[in-house]
Protein backbone atom coordinates (compact mmCIF):
# COMPACT_ATOMS: atom_id res chain seq x y z
CA MET A 1 0.15 0.06 -0.31
CA ASP A 2 2.78 2.34 0.73
CA LEU A 3 4.52 2.25 -2.47
CA VAL A 4 0.79 2.60 -4.43
CA PHE A 5 0.37 5.60 -1.99
CA GLN A 6 3.77 6.79 -3.26
CA ALA A 7 3.01 5.93 -6.95
CA LEU A 8 -0.27 7.91 -7.11
CA ALA A 9 1.28 10.96 -4.87
CA LEU A 10 4.24 10.99 -7.44
CA GLY A 11 1.18 10.60 -10.48
CA VAL A 12 -0.91 13.51 -8.98
CA LEU A 13 2.35 15.64 -8.39
CA GLN A 14 3.10 15.49 -12.26
CA GLY A 15 0.40 16.40 -13.25
CA LEU A 16 0.18 19.14 -11.42
CA THR A 17 3.12 20.43 -12.26
CA GLU A 18 4.14 19.64 -15.55
CA PHE A 19 1.83 22.43 -17.16
CA VAL A 20 2.26 25.38 -14.61
CA PRO A 21 5.54 26.90 -14.69
CA VAL A 22 6.86 25.89 -11.19
CA SER A 23 8.95 22.30 -12.85
CA SER A 24 7.71 19.05 -12.56
CA SER A 25 11.29 17.42 -12.84
CA ALA A 26 12.52 19.50 -9.98
CA HIS A 27 9.41 18.04 -7.63
CA LEU A 28 9.89 14.49 -9.01
CA VAL A 29 13.19 14.51 -7.82
CA LEU A 30 12.64 16.38 -4.47
CA LEU A 31 9.48 14.42 -3.40
CA PRO A 32 11.31 11.05 -2.94
CA TRP A 33 14.42 13.59 -1.43
CA PHE A 34 12.11 15.13 1.14
CA PHE A 35 10.82 11.91 2.31
CA ASP A 36 13.79 9.35 1.40
CA TRP A 37 11.69 7.20 -0.37
CA GLN A 38 13.84 4.66 -2.29
CA THR A 39 12.27 2.32 -4.32
CA PRO A 40 14.03 1.50 -7.61
CA ILE A 41 10.47 0.81 -9.87
CA LEU A 42 9.51 4.76 -9.05
CA GLU A 43 13.13 5.39 -9.85
CA SER A 44 12.54 3.41 -12.94
CA LEU A 45 12.33 4.54 -16.52
CA ALA A 46 9.70 2.75 -16.77
CA PHE A 47 7.54 4.63 -14.04
CA ASP A 48 9.28 7.77 -15.72
CA MET A 49 8.30 7.06 -18.86
CA ALA A 50 4.38 6.64 -17.53
CA LEU A 51 3.94 9.34 -15.43
CA HIS A 52 5.11 12.04 -18.56
CA LEU A 53 2.37 9.67 -21.08
CA GLY A 54 0.22 10.35 -18.78
CA THR A 55 0.21 14.50 -19.04
CA LEU A 56 0.75 13.58 -23.24
CA ALA A 57 -2.68 11.90 -23.18
CA ALA A 58 -4.13 15.02 -20.99
CA LEU A 59 -2.63 17.66 -23.41
CA LEU A 60 -3.77 15.31 -26.13
CA PHE A 61 -7.52 14.96 -25.06
CA TYR A 62 -7.46 18.38 -24.31
CA PHE A 63 -6.88 19.72 -27.18
CA ALA A 64 -7.53 17.48 -29.57
CA LYS A 65 -9.48 19.57 -31.89
CA ASP A 66 -7.02 21.87 -32.05
CA TRP A 67 -4.22 18.62 -32.46
CA LYS A 68 -6.48 17.44 -35.37
CA ARG A 69 -6.94 20.79 -37.30
CA VAL A 70 -3.21 20.96 -36.71
CA ALA A 71 -1.86 17.94 -38.63
CA VAL A 72 -4.47 17.62 -41.03
CA ALA A 73 -3.00 21.51 -42.28
CA GLY A 74 0.24 20.53 -41.94
CA PHE A 75 0.15 17.20 -44.02
CA LEU A 76 -1.56 19.56 -46.84
CA SER A 77 1.08 21.75 -46.28
CA LEU A 78 3.36 18.88 -46.96
CA ARG A 79 1.77 17.68 -49.81
CA GLU A 80 1.31 21.35 -51.65
CA ARG A 81 4.29 22.42 -50.73
CA ARG A 82 2.81 25.73 -49.33
CA ILE A 83 2.01 27.12 -45.72
CA GLY A 84 0.62 30.55 -47.26
CA ASP A 85 -1.87 32.04 -44.46
CA ASP A 86 -3.37 29.30 -42.95
CA PRO A 87 -3.06 29.66 -38.70
CA ASP A 88 -3.12 25.65 -38.58
CA ARG A 89 -0.54 25.32 -41.23
CA ARG A 90 1.93 28.52 -39.26
CA MET A 91 1.23 26.42 -36.07
CA ALA A 92 2.21 22.97 -37.42
CA TRP A 93 5.42 24.58 -38.55
CA PHE A 94 5.68 26.63 -35.52
CA LEU A 95 6.01 23.04 -33.55
CA VAL A 96 8.19 21.63 -35.76
CA VAL A 97 11.06 24.75 -35.60
CA GLY A 98 10.32 25.26 -31.67
CA SER A 99 11.11 21.46 -30.95
CA LEU A 100 14.35 21.23 -32.92
CA PRO A 101 16.05 23.41 -29.94
CA GLY A 102 14.84 21.19 -27.47
CA GLY A 103 15.21 17.59 -29.06
CA LEU A 104 18.51 18.78 -29.74
CA ALA A 105 19.16 19.52 -26.13
CA GLY A 106 18.16 16.29 -25.25
CA MET A 107 20.03 13.88 -27.50
CA LEU A 108 23.08 16.06 -26.24
CA LEU A 109 22.80 16.39 -22.66
CA GLU A 110 19.88 14.15 -21.51
CA LYS A 111 22.05 11.34 -19.98
CA ARG A 112 24.13 13.76 -18.18
CA ILE A 113 21.38 14.88 -16.60
CA GLU A 114 19.98 12.43 -15.65
CA GLY A 115 22.95 10.60 -14.14
CA LEU A 116 23.61 13.64 -11.69
CA PHE A 117 20.01 14.61 -10.85
CA HIS A 118 18.41 10.94 -10.63
CA GLY A 119 19.06 7.69 -7.97
CA GLU A 120 21.45 7.55 -5.50
CA SER A 121 24.20 10.26 -6.85
CA LEU A 122 21.63 13.08 -6.67
CA THR A 123 24.23 15.61 -4.28
CA ASN A 124 23.47 17.97 -2.23
CA ALA A 125 25.52 20.09 -4.85
CA ALA A 126 22.55 18.88 -7.46
CA VAL A 127 19.60 19.65 -4.97
CA ILE A 128 21.10 23.11 -4.63
CA ALA A 129 21.42 23.56 -8.67
CA ILE A 130 17.25 22.40 -8.70
CA ALA A 131 17.20 25.61 -5.86
CA VAL A 132 18.89 27.81 -7.78
CA GLY A 133 16.80 27.07 -11.37
CA LEU A 134 13.99 27.34 -9.41
CA ALA A 135 14.69 31.08 -7.88
CA GLY A 136 16.45 31.79 -11.40
CA MET A 137 13.34 31.26 -13.41
CA GLY A 138 11.03 32.43 -11.23
CA THR A 139 12.85 35.82 -11.38
CA LEU A 140 12.78 35.83 -15.38
CA LEU A 141 9.01 34.78 -15.07
CA PHE A 142 8.75 37.66 -12.41
CA LEU A 143 10.34 40.59 -14.62
CA ALA A 144 8.62 39.29 -17.80
CA GLU A 145 5.21 39.63 -15.67
CA ARG A 146 5.92 42.72 -14.84
CA PHE A 147 7.62 44.34 -18.12
CA SER A 148 5.96 43.09 -20.83
CA SER A 149 3.36 44.33 -22.58
CA LYS A 150 1.16 41.23 -22.96
CA THR A 151 -1.08 42.61 -26.32
CA ARG A 152 -0.01 40.27 -28.88
CA PRO A 153 -2.58 37.30 -29.45
CA GLN A 154 -1.73 34.17 -30.63
CA ALA A 155 -2.41 34.89 -34.32
CA SER A 156 0.73 37.06 -34.57
CA LEU A 157 3.06 34.48 -33.55
CA GLY A 158 5.96 34.22 -35.96
CA PHE A 159 8.84 31.72 -37.07
CA ARG A 160 11.36 33.73 -34.87
CA ASP A 161 8.85 33.78 -32.06
CA ALA A 162 8.73 29.82 -32.07
CA LEU A 163 12.52 29.50 -32.78
CA LEU A 164 13.14 31.66 -29.10
CA ILE A 165 10.81 29.74 -27.15
CA GLY A 166 11.94 26.66 -28.63
CA LEU A 167 15.23 27.65 -27.52
CA ALA A 168 14.11 28.81 -24.05
CA GLN A 169 12.28 25.19 -24.08
CA SER A 170 15.50 23.64 -24.37
CA LEU A 171 16.52 25.08 -20.91
CA ALA A 172 13.99 22.64 -19.02
CA ILE A 173 16.42 19.50 -19.60
CA PHE A 174 17.84 21.42 -16.14
CA PRO A 175 15.51 19.89 -13.40
CA GLY A 176 14.10 23.09 -11.57
CA VAL A 177 14.17 25.83 -14.77
CA SER A 178 10.49 23.95 -15.78
CA ARG A 179 9.24 23.79 -19.12
CA SER A 180 6.28 25.42 -19.00
CA GLY A 181 7.79 28.06 -16.85
CA SER A 182 10.89 28.73 -19.43
CA THR A 183 8.04 28.86 -22.32
CA LEU A 184 5.83 30.81 -20.80
CA THR A 185 8.70 33.49 -19.48
CA ALA A 186 10.00 33.66 -23.08
CA GLY A 187 5.64 34.25 -24.39
CA LEU A 188 5.06 36.89 -22.29
CA ALA A 189 8.67 38.38 -23.05
CA LEU A 190 7.93 38.53 -26.71
CA GLY A 191 4.71 40.36 -25.79
CA LEU A 192 2.41 37.44 -26.26
CA THR A 193 -0.84 37.84 -23.94
CA ARG A 194 -0.84 35.24 -21.41
CA GLU A 195 -3.65 32.64 -22.39
CA ALA A 196 -1.78 32.95 -26.22
CA ALA A 197 1.56 32.30 -23.95
CA ALA A 198 0.72 29.46 -22.14
CA ARG A 199 -1.32 27.87 -25.41
CA PHE A 200 1.99 27.57 -26.90
CA SER A 201 3.55 26.41 -24.36
CA PHE A 202 1.05 23.04 -24.02
CA LEU A 203 1.38 22.94 -27.83
CA LEU A 204 4.67 23.15 -27.92
CA SER A 205 5.67 20.43 -24.74
CA ALA A 206 3.53 17.65 -26.79
CA PRO A 207 6.38 16.73 -29.89
CA LEU A 208 9.02 16.66 -26.98
CA ILE A 209 7.23 14.39 -24.52
CA ALA A 210 5.54 12.24 -27.14
CA GLY A 211 9.21 11.68 -28.69
CA ALA A 212 10.86 11.09 -25.72
CA GLY A 213 7.98 8.49 -24.91
CA LEU A 214 8.37 7.03 -28.06
CA MET A 215 12.28 6.18 -28.03
CA SER A 216 11.62 4.74 -24.20
CA VAL A 217 9.47 2.33 -25.58
CA VAL A 218 12.04 -0.21 -26.64
CA LYS A 219 13.45 0.33 -23.45
CA ILE A 220 10.54 -0.37 -21.38
CA GLY A 221 9.66 -3.21 -23.18
CA LYS A 222 13.07 -4.83 -22.27
CA SER A 223 12.90 -4.36 -18.94
CA ILE A 224 9.72 -6.06 -18.27
CA GLN A 225 11.08 -9.28 -20.80
CA SER A 226 14.52 -9.02 -18.55
CA GLY A 227 12.10 -9.17 -15.34
CA ALA A 228 13.47 -5.96 -14.50
CA VAL A 229 10.27 -4.81 -14.27
CA GLY A 230 7.90 -7.07 -12.42
CA ARG A 231 3.58 -7.62 -12.73
CA ASN A 232 3.52 -5.73 -9.53
CA ASP A 233 5.63 -2.72 -10.93
CA LEU A 234 3.35 -2.53 -13.65
CA VAL A 235 0.18 -1.80 -11.57
CA LEU A 236 2.72 0.94 -9.88
CA VAL A 237 2.82 1.97 -13.54
CA LEU A 238 -0.35 1.78 -14.07
CA VAL A 239 -1.55 4.06 -10.88
CA GLY A 240 0.74 6.47 -11.79
CA PHE A 241 -0.32 7.23 -15.68
CA LEU A 242 -3.59 7.19 -14.38
CA ALA A 243 -2.75 9.79 -11.80
CA ALA A 244 -0.94 11.99 -13.85
CA ALA A 245 -3.44 12.19 -16.58
CA ILE A 246 -6.09 12.76 -14.81
CA SER A 247 -4.58 15.45 -12.64
CA GLY A 248 -3.24 16.90 -15.83
CA PHE A 249 -5.92 16.95 -17.55
CA ALA A 250 -7.77 19.33 -14.82
CA CYS A 251 -4.46 21.35 -14.48
CA ILE A 252 -4.40 22.58 -17.57
CA HIS A 253 -8.37 23.16 -17.57
CA TRP A 254 -7.95 25.45 -14.72
CA LEU A 255 -5.02 27.36 -15.36
CA LEU A 256 -6.21 28.27 -18.98
CA ARG A 257 -9.49 29.74 -17.10
CA PHE A 258 -6.74 31.66 -14.18
CA ILE A 259 -4.34 33.19 -16.65
CA ARG A 260 -6.75 34.77 -18.67
CA ASN A 261 -7.49 37.17 -15.53
CA HIS A 262 -4.37 36.94 -13.30
CA PRO A 263 -0.88 37.25 -13.23
CA VAL A 264 1.62 34.41 -12.77
CA ASN A 265 3.32 36.07 -10.00
CA ILE A 266 1.88 33.30 -7.65
CA PHE A 267 3.73 30.61 -9.68
CA VAL A 268 6.57 32.53 -9.16
CA TYR A 269 6.51 32.91 -5.51
CA TYR A 270 5.65 29.66 -5.04
CA ARG A 271 9.49 29.01 -6.62
CA TRP A 272 11.11 31.19 -4.52
CA ALA A 273 9.43 29.60 -1.73
CA LEU A 274 10.36 26.16 -2.41
CA ALA A 275 13.92 27.13 -3.19
CA ALA A 276 14.72 28.83 0.00
CA VAL A 277 13.22 25.65 1.87
CA VAL A 278 15.26 22.96 -0.51
CA VAL A 279 18.51 25.54 0.56
CA GLY A 280 17.30 25.46 4.37
CA PHE A 281 16.85 21.33 3.99
CA VAL A 282 20.41 20.92 2.87
CA VAL A 283 21.31 23.28 5.29
CA PHE A 284 20.27 22.01 8.62
CA ARG A 285 18.96 18.39 7.43
């Protein structure tokens, strides 16, 4: 029962933090660290990908109509070799351009980052680095909220914007930075409205999550075949997936409504507070 609770807690945490700008990766590292959970299956690739695929499912389901239009428009643009002014065709290629920096960063740095910030190799220095990422990106988000115009609608998005937001997303490979935090900050800094920046942030996250998930399917299959992931472990994987999917869907719905009329400072203050707590734990634990 303790393992089921841990799987459920991590799944809910993933769903609640993947789409708000507070860094889901930092929370997934810090929660077991805070409570000294040492459960191999919950630190495994299979479980980690189950959580991310859960939030991907929430993302695909919530924006199903958008994805259908964008996919069809992207296919037509390839067939006709023309993008034109169609907003869905443009969005399809914005997502391609915006995903390239993050995909490249993942291929070059993912294994090294995992070695530093996961499992038994997690050091106090790595935890402090997470706190720095939380506070630093929180400060940038605060400045973007404070000084940006927030007047540009989603229709004004261009290829330059997509590339710059994609470059910001590539920084999220470091726990504490946050995929949604970096892209939302970049979107606001470019003058997009909060809702436009958030929607593009959500859409842009899907290709990278899906790509990482597909790359891990073979590895997960091998883990199951070798016995590294047993039948009882699969129950925990399923619990994590469902918890992340349900909480992620609810979080997307809430955030899009919240961000229309409220500044993002609540997330900034949370990041600063969490960073202070983490440093306090390192110093006094």
